[in-house]
Amino acid sequence: MTLMKKLKSLLPEKYRKEATVIPVVRMTGPIMVGSPMRPGLSMASVAAQLHKAFSIKDAPAVAIAVNSPGGSPVQSRLIYERIRQLAKEKDKTVITFCEDAAASGGYMIAIAGDEIVADPSSIVGSIGVVSGGFGFVDAIEKLGIERRVYTAGAQKAMLDPFKPENEEHLAHLNALLADLFETFKDLVRERRGDKLTEEEDKLFTGAFWTGKRGKEFGLIDELGDMSGYLKAKYGETTKLKLIASGGGFFSRLRMPGMRFGAAQEVPSGSVGEQIAAGLSADAILSSLEARALWSRLGL
């Protein structure tokens, strides 16, 4: 027995208890395949954090904070599946915490939890699939632009925004969306089926609700915050251990929105200026995509 352990053994029992450590993985933002210039929440971006969190042997559970309006159905399901695989492999309880929103793909990640906790004002649900775009048929005609597309395959230019809508193409898209929707519904049935208190005709419409109403409907289990809930469950000595992303060169420069220093002037027409312009355009596009996803929830 080490000297430290000997000294601890002399303390009253309540002071001898080891603190329970709960690893925390944060999943924030729109779900999409990103790049160094446009980081997104994806399987690739959270894989290392999840592995590290579930590898903490003495932790009885892993806490996952979800704050996402949704995004890619593929990445959402990949993250969900990885959480469940690790939970089974490492024999850990998973508790997900909904912050501002766990909607659409964000809710798909949330149901990977054995318990789902949300703030009363969180946005939860939005069980559905959406596809959107723009049509520029009249615009290019007015601008005198001729669209030239060459394909090998009759449907290769399907849903071209510069051509009028095609009923056959729309039917194909709707069938694809229906397949994705069934996959989403099956996951909710598997994870929450015996807890849901409302009919599917109400819950599986793409609608979303507050955490308070979500609890009434069985979409979540409890209302509360991470620290308070985990201390109530595992004891007041419980400590939360944030598992940070590994990061890299670009993340250290706080991408996106990488800025050249104010004192550093980029010569006009230089490669540096072109890179800066590209980064700015990419950051703006990323911001617009994220804004569109959040705005669907009124946030």
C-alpha atoms as a PDB file:
ATOM      1  CA  MET A   1       0.000   0.000   0.000  1.00  0.00           C
ATOM      2  CA  THR A   2       1.396   3.394  -0.970  1.00  0.00           C
ATOM      3  CA  LEU A   3       1.765   6.203   1.529  1.00  0.00           C
ATOM      4  CA  MET A   4      -1.104   8.095  -0.154  1.00  0.00           C
ATOM      5  CA  LYS A   5      -3.437   5.114   0.185  1.00  0.00           C
ATOM      6  CA  LYS A   6      -2.424   4.615   3.823  1.00  0.00           C
ATOM      7  CA  LEU A   7      -3.218   8.240   4.607  1.00  0.00           C
ATOM      8  CA  LYS A   8      -6.552   8.035   2.742  1.00  0.00           C
ATOM      9  CA  SER A   9      -7.519   4.928   4.725  1.00  0.00           C
ATOM     10  CA  LEU A  10      -7.363   7.011   7.898  1.00  0.00           C
ATOM     11  CA  LEU A  11      -9.971   9.480   6.610  1.00  0.00           C
ATOM     12  CA  PRO A  12     -13.733   9.143   7.289  1.00  0.00           C
ATOM     13  CA  GLU A  13     -15.458   6.926   4.680  1.00  0.00           C
ATOM     14  CA  LYS A  14     -17.197   9.788   2.870  1.00  0.00           C
ATOM     15  CA  TYR A  15     -13.780  11.322   2.113  1.00  0.00           C
ATOM     16  CA  ARG A  16     -12.283   8.027   0.980  1.00  0.00           C
ATOM     17  CA  LYS A  17     -14.636   7.515  -1.929  1.00  0.00           C
ATOM     18  CA  GLU A  18     -13.092   7.819  -5.359  1.00  0.00           C
ATOM     19  CA  ALA A  19     -14.826  10.278  -7.657  1.00  0.00           C
ATOM     20  CA  THR A  20     -16.812   8.733 -10.496  1.00  0.00           C
ATOM     21  CA  VAL A  21     -15.489  10.018 -13.804  1.00  0.00           C
ATOM     22  CA  ILE A  22     -17.911  10.316 -16.715  1.00  0.00           C
ATOM     23  CA  PRO A  23     -16.354  11.040 -20.119  1.00  0.00           C
ATOM     24  CA  VAL A  24     -18.237  13.615 -22.190  1.00  0.00           C
ATOM     25  CA  VAL A  25     -18.277  13.840 -25.983  1.00  0.00           C
ATOM     26  CA  ARG A  26     -19.755  16.981 -27.526  1.00  0.00           C
ATOM     27  CA  MET A  27     -21.441  16.756 -30.934  1.00  0.00           C
ATOM     28  CA  THR A  28     -22.267  20.213 -32.186  1.00  0.00           C
ATOM     29  CA  GLY A  29     -23.405  21.679 -35.489  1.00  0.00           C
ATOM     30  CA  PRO A  30     -24.917  20.526 -38.773  1.00  0.00           C
ATOM     31  CA  ILE A  31     -24.190  16.922 -39.701  1.00  0.00           C
ATOM     32  CA  MET A  32     -22.203  16.772 -42.908  1.00  0.00           C
ATOM     33  CA  VAL A  33     -18.981  15.496 -44.393  1.00  0.00           C
ATOM     34  CA  GLY A  34     -16.546  18.326 -43.839  1.00  0.00           C
ATOM     35  CA  SER A  35     -13.049  19.294 -44.861  1.00  0.00           C
ATOM     36  CA  PRO A  36     -10.241  21.260 -43.228  1.00  0.00           C
ATOM     37  CA  MET A  37     -11.841  24.378 -44.717  1.00  0.00           C
ATOM     38  CA  ARG A  38     -15.419  23.455 -43.815  1.00  0.00           C
ATOM     39  CA  PRO A  39     -15.517  21.252 -40.718  1.00  0.00           C
ATOM     40  CA  GLY A  40     -18.759  19.421 -40.069  1.00  0.00           C
ATOM     41  CA  LEU A  41     -20.157  16.910 -37.620  1.00  0.00           C
ATOM     42  CA  SER A  42     -19.475  13.515 -39.173  1.00  0.00           C
ATOM     43  CA  MET A  43     -18.315  10.011 -38.320  1.00  0.00           C
ATOM     44  CA  ALA A  44     -14.758  11.003 -39.185  1.00  0.00           C
ATOM     45  CA  SER A  45     -14.830  14.055 -36.924  1.00  0.00           C
ATOM     46  CA  VAL A  46     -16.031  12.189 -33.805  1.00  0.00           C
ATOM     47  CA  ALA A  47     -14.584   8.681 -34.232  1.00  0.00           C
ATOM     48  CA  ALA A  48     -11.446   9.338 -32.188  1.00  0.00           C
ATOM     49  CA  GLN A  49     -13.362  11.050 -29.375  1.00  0.00           C
ATOM     50  CA  LEU A  50     -15.857   8.206 -29.125  1.00  0.00           C
ATOM     51  CA  HIS A  51     -13.103   5.601 -29.033  1.00  0.00           C
ATOM     52  CA  LYS A  52     -11.258   7.472 -26.303  1.00  0.00           C
ATOM     53  CA  ALA A  53     -14.406   8.058 -24.231  1.00  0.00           C
ATOM     54  CA  PHE A  54     -15.516   4.423 -24.316  1.00  0.00           C
ATOM     55  CA  SER A  55     -11.986   3.249 -23.513  1.00  0.00           C
ATOM     56  CA  ILE A  56     -12.001   4.787 -20.018  1.00  0.00           C
ATOM     57  CA  LYS A  57     -12.358   1.518 -18.107  1.00  0.00           C
ATOM     58  CA  ASP A  58     -13.662   2.726 -14.757  1.00  0.00           C
ATOM     59  CA  ALA A  59     -16.341   4.977 -16.241  1.00  0.00           C
ATOM     60  CA  PRO A  60     -19.809   3.425 -15.806  1.00  0.00           C
ATOM     61  CA  ALA A  61     -21.253   5.558 -18.593  1.00  0.00           C
ATOM     62  CA  VAL A  62     -20.441   7.859 -21.472  1.00  0.00           C
ATOM     63  CA  ALA A  63     -22.273  11.174 -21.777  1.00  0.00           C
ATOM     64  CA  ILE A  64     -22.908  12.621 -25.216  1.00  0.00           C
ATOM     65  CA  ALA A  65     -24.038  16.228 -25.610  1.00  0.00           C
ATOM     66  CA  VAL A  66     -25.991  16.744 -28.833  1.00  0.00           C
ATOM     67  CA  ASN A  67     -26.617  20.181 -30.288  1.00  0.00           C
ATOM     68  CA  SER A  68     -27.537  19.737 -33.937  1.00  0.00           C
ATOM     69  CA  PRO A  69     -30.367  20.632 -36.333  1.00  0.00           C
ATOM     70  CA  GLY A  70     -29.584  17.566 -38.443  1.00  0.00           C
ATOM     71  CA  GLY A  71     -28.045  17.129 -41.856  1.00  0.00           C
ATOM     72  CA  SER A  72     -26.704  14.059 -43.635  1.00  0.00           C
ATOM     73  CA  PRO A  73     -28.822  10.937 -42.942  1.00  0.00           C
ATOM     74  CA  VAL A  74     -25.822   8.748 -43.737  1.00  0.00           C
ATOM     75  CA  GLN A  75     -23.451  10.442 -41.290  1.00  0.00           C
ATOM     76  CA  SER A  76     -26.187  10.557 -38.644  1.00  0.00           C
ATOM     77  CA  ARG A  77     -26.711   6.813 -38.878  1.00  0.00           C
ATOM     78  CA  LEU A  78     -22.970   6.066 -38.963  1.00  0.00           C
ATOM     79  CA  ILE A  79     -22.494   7.998 -35.722  1.00  0.00           C
ATOM     80  CA  TYR A  80     -25.535   6.274 -34.177  1.00  0.00           C
ATOM     81  CA  GLU A  81     -24.231   2.829 -35.139  1.00  0.00           C
ATOM     82  CA  ARG A  82     -20.735   3.534 -33.829  1.00  0.00           C
ATOM     83  CA  ILE A  83     -22.088   4.651 -30.457  1.00  0.00           C
ATOM     84  CA  ARG A  84     -24.173   1.492 -30.119  1.00  0.00           C
ATOM     85  CA  GLN A  85     -21.266  -0.733 -31.211  1.00  0.00           C
ATOM     86  CA  LEU A  86     -18.933   0.779 -28.623  1.00  0.00           C
ATOM     87  CA  ALA A  87     -21.588   0.668 -25.895  1.00  0.00           C
ATOM     88  CA  LYS A  88     -22.019  -3.074 -26.450  1.00  0.00           C
ATOM     89  CA  GLU A  89     -18.307  -3.765 -26.859  1.00  0.00           C
ATOM     90  CA  LYS A  90     -17.255  -1.813 -23.759  1.00  0.00           C
ATOM     91  CA  ASP A  91     -20.397  -2.561 -21.716  1.00  0.00           C
ATOM     92  CA  LYS A  92     -21.150   1.110 -21.049  1.00  0.00           C
ATOM     93  CA  THR A  93     -24.376   2.969 -20.451  1.00  0.00           C
ATOM     94  CA  VAL A  94     -24.866   5.839 -22.899  1.00  0.00           C
ATOM     95  CA  ILE A  95     -26.665   8.973 -21.755  1.00  0.00           C
ATOM     96  CA  THR A  96     -27.380  11.631 -24.369  1.00  0.00           C
ATOM     97  CA  PHE A  97     -28.118  15.220 -23.472  1.00  0.00           C
ATOM     98  CA  CYS A  98     -30.045  17.469 -25.866  1.00  0.00           C
ATOM     99  CA  GLU A  99     -28.957  21.093 -25.783  1.00  0.00           C
ATOM    100  CA  ASP A 100     -30.507  23.778 -28.027  1.00  0.00           C
ATOM    101  CA  ALA A 101     -31.613  21.130 -30.497  1.00  0.00           C
ATOM    102  CA  ALA A 102     -31.456  17.421 -31.161  1.00  0.00           C
ATOM    103  CA  ALA A 103     -33.557  17.450 -34.298  1.00  0.00           C
ATOM    104  CA  SER A 104     -33.738  15.282 -37.401  1.00  0.00           C
ATOM    105  CA  GLY A 105     -30.269  13.697 -37.705  1.00  0.00           C
ATOM    106  CA  GLY A 106     -29.433  15.202 -34.317  1.00  0.00           C
ATOM    107  CA  TYR A 107     -32.325  13.253 -32.814  1.00  0.00           C
ATOM    108  CA  MET A 108     -31.124  10.111 -34.599  1.00  0.00           C
ATOM    109  CA  ILE A 109     -27.836  10.486 -32.722  1.00  0.00           C
ATOM    110  CA  ALA A 110     -29.688  11.192 -29.472  1.00  0.00           C
ATOM    111  CA  ILE A 111     -31.635   7.911 -29.608  1.00  0.00           C
ATOM    112  CA  ALA A 112     -28.322   6.062 -29.474  1.00  0.00           C
ATOM    113  CA  GLY A 113     -28.515   6.849 -25.762  1.00  0.00           C
ATOM    114  CA  ASP A 114     -29.925   4.377 -23.256  1.00  0.00           C
ATOM    115  CA  GLU A 115     -31.299   7.482 -21.570  1.00  0.00           C
ATOM    116  CA  ILE A 116     -32.116  10.806 -23.234  1.00  0.00           C
ATOM    117  CA  VAL A 117     -32.127  13.977 -21.151  1.00  0.00           C
ATOM    118  CA  ALA A 118     -33.126  17.416 -22.438  1.00  0.00           C
ATOM    119  CA  ASP A 119     -33.658  20.912 -21.186  1.00  0.00           C
ATOM    120  CA  PRO A 120     -37.376  21.804 -21.046  1.00  0.00           C
ATOM    121  CA  SER A 121     -36.747  24.362 -23.809  1.00  0.00           C
ATOM    122  CA  SER A 122     -34.648  22.109 -26.068  1.00  0.00           C
ATOM    123  CA  ILE A 123     -35.962  21.333 -29.550  1.00  0.00           C
ATOM    124  CA  VAL A 124     -36.351  17.588 -30.134  1.00  0.00           C
ATOM    125  CA  GLY A 125     -37.846  15.365 -32.800  1.00  0.00           C
ATOM    126  CA  SER A 126     -38.197  16.414 -36.441  1.00  0.00           C
ATOM    127  CA  ILE A 127     -38.376  12.755 -37.464  1.00  0.00           C
ATOM    128  CA  GLY A 128     -38.376  13.064 -41.230  1.00  0.00           C
ATOM    129  CA  VAL A 129     -36.247  13.590 -44.327  1.00  0.00           C
ATOM    130  CA  VAL A 130     -35.996  16.717 -46.452  1.00  0.00           C
ATOM    131  CA  SER A 131     -34.413  17.550 -49.802  1.00  0.00           C
ATOM    132  CA  GLY A 132     -34.324  21.045 -51.230  1.00  0.00           C
ATOM    133  CA  GLY A 133     -32.828  23.100 -53.986  1.00  0.00           C
ATOM    134  CA  PHE A 134     -33.470  25.893 -56.487  1.00  0.00           C
ATOM    135  CA  GLY A 135     -34.619  26.124 -60.070  1.00  0.00           C
ATOM    136  CA  PHE A 136     -32.815  28.501 -62.443  1.00  0.00           C
ATOM    137  CA  VAL A 137     -34.635  27.753 -65.710  1.00  0.00           C
ATOM    138  CA  ASP A 138     -36.034  31.248 -66.278  1.00  0.00           C
ATOM    139  CA  ALA A 139     -32.970  32.971 -64.859  1.00  0.00           C
ATOM    140  CA  ILE A 140     -30.480  31.578 -67.356  1.00  0.00           C
ATOM    141  CA  GLU A 141     -32.887  32.258 -70.220  1.00  0.00           C
ATOM    142  CA  LYS A 142     -33.145  35.923 -69.260  1.00  0.00           C
ATOM    143  CA  LEU A 143     -29.384  36.136 -68.946  1.00  0.00           C
ATOM    144  CA  GLY A 144     -28.910  34.577 -72.371  1.00  0.00           C
ATOM    145  CA  ILE A 145     -27.050  31.581 -70.999  1.00  0.00           C
ATOM    146  CA  GLU A 146     -27.155  28.263 -72.836  1.00  0.00           C
ATOM    147  CA  ARG A 147     -26.897  25.185 -70.648  1.00  0.00           C
ATOM    148  CA  ARG A 148     -24.693  22.410 -72.079  1.00  0.00           C
ATOM    149  CA  VAL A 149     -24.662  19.035 -70.349  1.00  0.00           C
ATOM    150  CA  TYR A 150     -23.256  15.833 -71.840  1.00  0.00           C
ATOM    151  CA  THR A 151     -24.029  12.497 -70.212  1.00  0.00           C
ATOM    152  CA  ALA A 152     -23.712   8.767 -70.709  1.00  0.00           C
ATOM    153  CA  GLY A 153     -26.836   7.422 -69.038  1.00  0.00           C
ATOM    154  CA  ALA A 154     -30.378   8.684 -69.536  1.00  0.00           C
ATOM    155  CA  GLN A 155     -30.830   9.732 -65.891  1.00  0.00           C
ATOM    156  CA  LYS A 156     -27.345  11.083 -65.202  1.00  0.00           C
ATOM    157  CA  ALA A 157     -28.506  14.707 -65.256  1.00  0.00           C
ATOM    158  CA  MET A 158     -31.536  13.983 -63.108  1.00  0.00           C
ATOM    159  CA  LEU A 159     -32.836  16.949 -61.078  1.00  0.00           C
ATOM    160  CA  ASP A 160     -30.692  19.445 -62.983  1.00  0.00           C
ATOM    161  CA  PRO A 161     -31.678  22.841 -61.478  1.00  0.00           C
ATOM    162  CA  PHE A 162     -31.295  24.491 -64.900  1.00  0.00           C
ATOM    163  CA  LYS A 163     -33.981  22.311 -66.480  1.00  0.00           C
ATOM    164  CA  PRO A 164     -37.754  22.196 -65.851  1.00  0.00           C
ATOM    165  CA  GLU A 165     -38.932  19.684 -63.267  1.00  0.00           C
ATOM    166  CA  ASN A 166     -39.543  16.200 -64.605  1.00  0.00           C
ATOM    167  CA  GLU A 167     -42.339  14.092 -63.081  1.00  0.00           C
ATOM    168  CA  GLU A 168     -40.395  10.866 -63.502  1.00  0.00           C
ATOM    169  CA  HIS A 169     -37.383  12.354 -61.756  1.00  0.00           C
ATOM    170  CA  LEU A 170     -39.545  13.687 -58.920  1.00  0.00           C
ATOM    171  CA  ALA A 171     -41.086  10.254 -58.437  1.00  0.00           C
ATOM    172  CA  HIS A 172     -37.596   8.751 -58.198  1.00  0.00           C
ATOM    173  CA  LEU A 173     -36.546  11.364 -55.624  1.00  0.00           C
ATOM    174  CA  ASN A 174     -39.693  10.795 -53.554  1.00  0.00           C
ATOM    175  CA  ALA A 175     -39.036   7.049 -53.523  1.00  0.00           C
ATOM    176  CA  LEU A 176     -35.484   7.682 -52.344  1.00  0.00           C
ATOM    177  CA  LEU A 177     -36.714   9.986 -49.565  1.00  0.00           C
ATOM    178  CA  ALA A 178     -39.285   7.370 -48.546  1.00  0.00           C
ATOM    179  CA  ASP A 179     -36.537   4.750 -48.176  1.00  0.00           C
ATOM    180  CA  LEU A 180     -34.467   7.079 -45.990  1.00  0.00           C
ATOM    181  CA  PHE A 181     -37.558   7.924 -43.945  1.00  0.00           C
ATOM    182  CA  GLU A 182     -38.308   4.250 -43.272  1.00  0.00           C
ATOM    183  CA  THR A 183     -34.749   3.717 -42.035  1.00  0.00           C
ATOM    184  CA  PHE A 184     -35.151   6.636 -39.621  1.00  0.00           C
ATOM    185  CA  LYS A 185     -38.532   5.425 -38.377  1.00  0.00           C
ATOM    186  CA  ASP A 186     -37.207   1.897 -37.862  1.00  0.00           C
ATOM    187  CA  LEU A 187     -34.431   3.215 -35.613  1.00  0.00           C
ATOM    188  CA  VAL A 188     -36.896   5.235 -33.541  1.00  0.00           C
ATOM    189  CA  ARG A 189     -39.199   2.211 -33.224  1.00  0.00           C
ATOM    190  CA  GLU A 190     -36.271   0.043 -32.151  1.00  0.00           C
ATOM    191  CA  ARG A 191     -34.951   2.462 -29.542  1.00  0.00           C
ATOM    192  CA  ARG A 192     -38.097   4.248 -28.343  1.00  0.00           C
ATOM    193  CA  GLY A 193     -41.023   2.091 -29.504  1.00  0.00           C
ATOM    194  CA  ASP A 194     -42.177   0.962 -26.053  1.00  0.00           C
ATOM    195  CA  LYS A 195     -41.779   4.471 -24.623  1.00  0.00           C
ATOM    196  CA  LEU A 196     -43.686   6.505 -27.226  1.00  0.00           C
ATOM    197  CA  THR A 197     -47.064   7.699 -25.987  1.00  0.00           C
ATOM    198  CA  GLU A 198     -48.363   9.222 -29.228  1.00  0.00           C
ATOM    199  CA  GLU A 199     -49.294   7.644 -32.538  1.00  0.00           C
ATOM    200  CA  GLU A 200     -46.752   7.527 -35.351  1.00  0.00           C
ATOM    201  CA  ASP A 201     -49.064   9.666 -37.492  1.00  0.00           C
ATOM    202  CA  LYS A 202     -48.291  12.511 -35.103  1.00  0.00           C
ATOM    203  CA  LEU A 203     -44.652  11.840 -34.248  1.00  0.00           C
ATOM    204  CA  PHE A 204     -43.331  10.776 -37.658  1.00  0.00           C
ATOM    205  CA  THR A 205     -44.281  13.902 -39.579  1.00  0.00           C
ATOM    206  CA  GLY A 206     -41.098  15.967 -39.351  1.00  0.00           C
ATOM    207  CA  ALA A 207     -42.650  18.095 -36.602  1.00  0.00           C
ATOM    208  CA  PHE A 208     -40.534  19.090 -33.597  1.00  0.00           C
ATOM    209  CA  TRP A 209     -41.326  19.951 -30.001  1.00  0.00           C
ATOM    210  CA  THR A 210     -39.807  21.337 -26.827  1.00  0.00           C
ATOM    211  CA  GLY A 211     -38.047  18.994 -24.435  1.00  0.00           C
ATOM    212  CA  LYS A 212     -40.992  19.306 -22.057  1.00  0.00           C
ATOM    213  CA  ARG A 213     -43.490  18.130 -24.675  1.00  0.00           C
ATOM    214  CA  GLY A 214     -40.980  15.571 -25.961  1.00  0.00           C
ATOM    215  CA  LYS A 215     -40.946  13.947 -22.529  1.00  0.00           C
ATOM    216  CA  GLU A 216     -44.741  13.723 -22.574  1.00  0.00           C
ATOM    217  CA  PHE A 217     -44.571  12.011 -25.972  1.00  0.00           C
ATOM    218  CA  GLY A 218     -41.804   9.603 -24.916  1.00  0.00           C
ATOM    219  CA  LEU A 219     -39.241  11.075 -27.295  1.00  0.00           C
ATOM    220  CA  ILE A 220     -36.932  11.671 -24.322  1.00  0.00           C
ATOM    221  CA  ASP A 221     -36.712  10.233 -20.814  1.00  0.00           C
ATOM    222  CA  GLU A 222     -35.969  13.083 -18.450  1.00  0.00           C
ATOM    223  CA  LEU A 223     -35.645  16.854 -18.178  1.00  0.00           C
ATOM    224  CA  GLY A 224     -32.488  18.345 -16.746  1.00  0.00           C
ATOM    225  CA  ASP A 225     -28.888  19.353 -17.335  1.00  0.00           C
ATOM    226  CA  MET A 226     -25.821  17.185 -17.665  1.00  0.00           C
ATOM    227  CA  SER A 227     -23.993  18.035 -14.453  1.00  0.00           C
ATOM    228  CA  GLY A 228     -27.064  17.885 -12.223  1.00  0.00           C
ATOM    229  CA  TYR A 229     -28.414  14.694 -13.777  1.00  0.00           C
ATOM    230  CA  LEU A 230     -25.122  12.793 -13.626  1.00  0.00           C
ATOM    231  CA  LYS A 231     -24.417  13.832 -10.038  1.00  0.00           C
ATOM    232  CA  ALA A 232     -27.902  12.756  -9.007  1.00  0.00           C
ATOM    233  CA  LYS A 233     -27.352   9.400 -10.722  1.00  0.00           C
ATOM    234  CA  TYR A 234     -23.727   8.647  -9.792  1.00  0.00           C
ATOM    235  CA  GLY A 235     -23.129  10.769  -6.685  1.00  0.00           C
ATOM    236  CA  GLU A 236     -22.066  14.285  -5.792  1.00  0.00           C
ATOM    237  CA  THR A 237     -18.389  13.444  -6.290  1.00  0.00           C
ATOM    238  CA  THR A 238     -18.994  12.695  -9.977  1.00  0.00           C
ATOM    239  CA  LYS A 239     -16.592  14.477 -12.281  1.00  0.00           C
ATOM    240  CA  LEU A 240     -17.143  15.175 -15.965  1.00  0.00           C
ATOM    241  CA  LYS A 241     -14.188  14.630 -18.286  1.00  0.00           C
ATOM    242  CA  LEU A 242     -14.522  16.397 -21.623  1.00  0.00           C
ATOM    243  CA  ILE A 243     -12.994  14.364 -24.440  1.00  0.00           C
ATOM    244  CA  ALA A 244     -11.607  16.979 -26.806  1.00  0.00           C
ATOM    245  CA  SER A 245     -11.176  16.430 -30.509  1.00  0.00           C
ATOM    246  CA  GLY A 246      -7.628  15.771 -31.620  1.00  0.00           C
ATOM    247  CA  GLY A 247      -7.595  18.795 -33.868  1.00  0.00           C
ATOM    248  CA  GLY A 248      -4.911  19.558 -36.375  1.00  0.00           C
ATOM    249  CA  PHE A 249      -3.180  22.441 -38.084  1.00  0.00           C
ATOM    250  CA  PHE A 250      -6.355  23.984 -39.483  1.00  0.00           C
ATOM    251  CA  SER A 251      -8.339  23.504 -36.283  1.00  0.00           C
ATOM    252  CA  ARG A 252      -5.658  25.344 -34.366  1.00  0.00           C
ATOM    253  CA  LEU A 253      -6.154  28.217 -36.760  1.00  0.00           C
ATOM    254  CA  ARG A 254      -9.868  28.062 -35.893  1.00  0.00           C
ATOM    255  CA  MET A 255     -11.176  27.038 -39.274  1.00  0.00           C
ATOM    256  CA  PRO A 256     -13.408  28.054 -40.936  1.00  0.00           C
ATOM    257  CA  GLY A 257     -12.907  31.808 -41.047  1.00  0.00           C
ATOM    258  CA  MET A 258      -9.122  31.599 -41.087  1.00  0.00           C
ATOM    259  CA  ARG A 259      -7.819  35.138 -41.167  1.00  0.00           C
ATOM    260  CA  PHE A 260      -4.535  36.627 -42.175  1.00  0.00           C
ATOM    261  CA  GLY A 261      -3.091  38.880 -39.493  1.00  0.00           C
ATOM    262  CA  ALA A 262      -4.119  42.533 -39.654  1.00  0.00           C
ATOM    263  CA  ALA A 263      -0.511  43.589 -40.104  1.00  0.00           C
ATOM    264  CA  GLN A 264       0.014  41.113 -42.918  1.00  0.00           C
ATOM    265  CA  GLU A 265      -1.012  42.553 -46.272  1.00  0.00           C
ATOM    266  CA  VAL A 266      -1.772  40.053 -49.028  1.00  0.00           C
ATOM    267  CA  PRO A 267      -0.553  41.309 -52.413  1.00  0.00           C
ATOM    268  CA  SER A 268      -3.293  41.843 -54.975  1.00  0.00           C
ATOM    269  CA  GLY A 269      -3.480  39.030 -57.526  1.00  0.00           C
ATOM    270  CA  SER A 270      -1.143  36.813 -55.529  1.00  0.00           C
ATOM    271  CA  VAL A 271      -1.707  33.147 -54.742  1.00  0.00           C
ATOM    272  CA  GLY A 272      -2.258  34.201 -51.130  1.00  0.00           C
ATOM    273  CA  GLU A 273      -5.076  36.493 -52.198  1.00  0.00           C
ATOM    274  CA  GLN A 274      -6.683  33.680 -54.198  1.00  0.00           C
ATOM    275  CA  ILE A 275      -6.452  31.324 -51.220  1.00  0.00           C
ATOM    276  CA  ALA A 276      -7.894  33.968 -48.902  1.00  0.00           C
ATOM    277  CA  ALA A 277     -10.776  34.580 -51.305  1.00  0.00           C
ATOM    278  CA  GLY A 278     -11.434  30.857 -51.561  1.00  0.00           C
ATOM    279  CA  LEU A 279     -11.429  30.460 -47.791  1.00  0.00           C
ATOM    280  CA  SER A 280     -13.802  33.387 -47.388  1.00  0.00           C
ATOM    281  CA  ALA A 281     -16.205  32.011 -49.999  1.00  0.00           C
ATOM    282  CA  ASP A 282     -16.040  28.559 -48.431  1.00  0.00           C
ATOM    283  CA  ALA A 283     -16.690  29.956 -44.964  1.00  0.00           C
ATOM    284  CA  ILE A 284     -19.665  31.947 -46.256  1.00  0.00           C
ATOM    285  CA  LEU A 285     -21.119  28.880 -48.000  1.00  0.00           C
ATOM    286  CA  SER A 286     -20.648  26.767 -44.872  1.00  0.00           C
ATOM    287  CA  SER A 287     -22.300  29.459 -42.764  1.00  0.00           C
ATOM    288  CA  LEU A 288     -25.278  29.685 -45.142  1.00  0.00           C
ATOM    289  CA  GLU A 289     -25.768  25.911 -45.115  1.00  0.00           C
ATOM    290  CA  ALA A 290     -25.660  25.835 -41.339  1.00  0.00           C
ATOM    291  CA  ARG A 291     -28.006  28.815 -41.101  1.00  0.00           C
ATOM    292  CA  ALA A 292     -30.531  27.100 -43.362  1.00  0.00           C
ATOM    293  CA  LEU A 293     -30.569  23.990 -41.175  1.00  0.00           C
ATOM    294  CA  TRP A 294     -30.979  25.939 -37.932  1.00  0.00           C
ATOM    295  CA  SER A 295     -33.615  28.255 -39.401  1.00  0.00           C
ATOM    296  CA  ARG A 296     -35.921  25.323 -40.110  1.00  0.00           C
ATOM    297  CA  LEU A 297     -36.230  25.027 -36.323  1.00  0.00           C
ATOM    298  CA  GLY A 298     -36.757  28.746 -35.845  1.00  0.00           C
ATOM    299  CA  LEU A 299     -33.356  29.065 -34.154  1.00  0.00           C
END
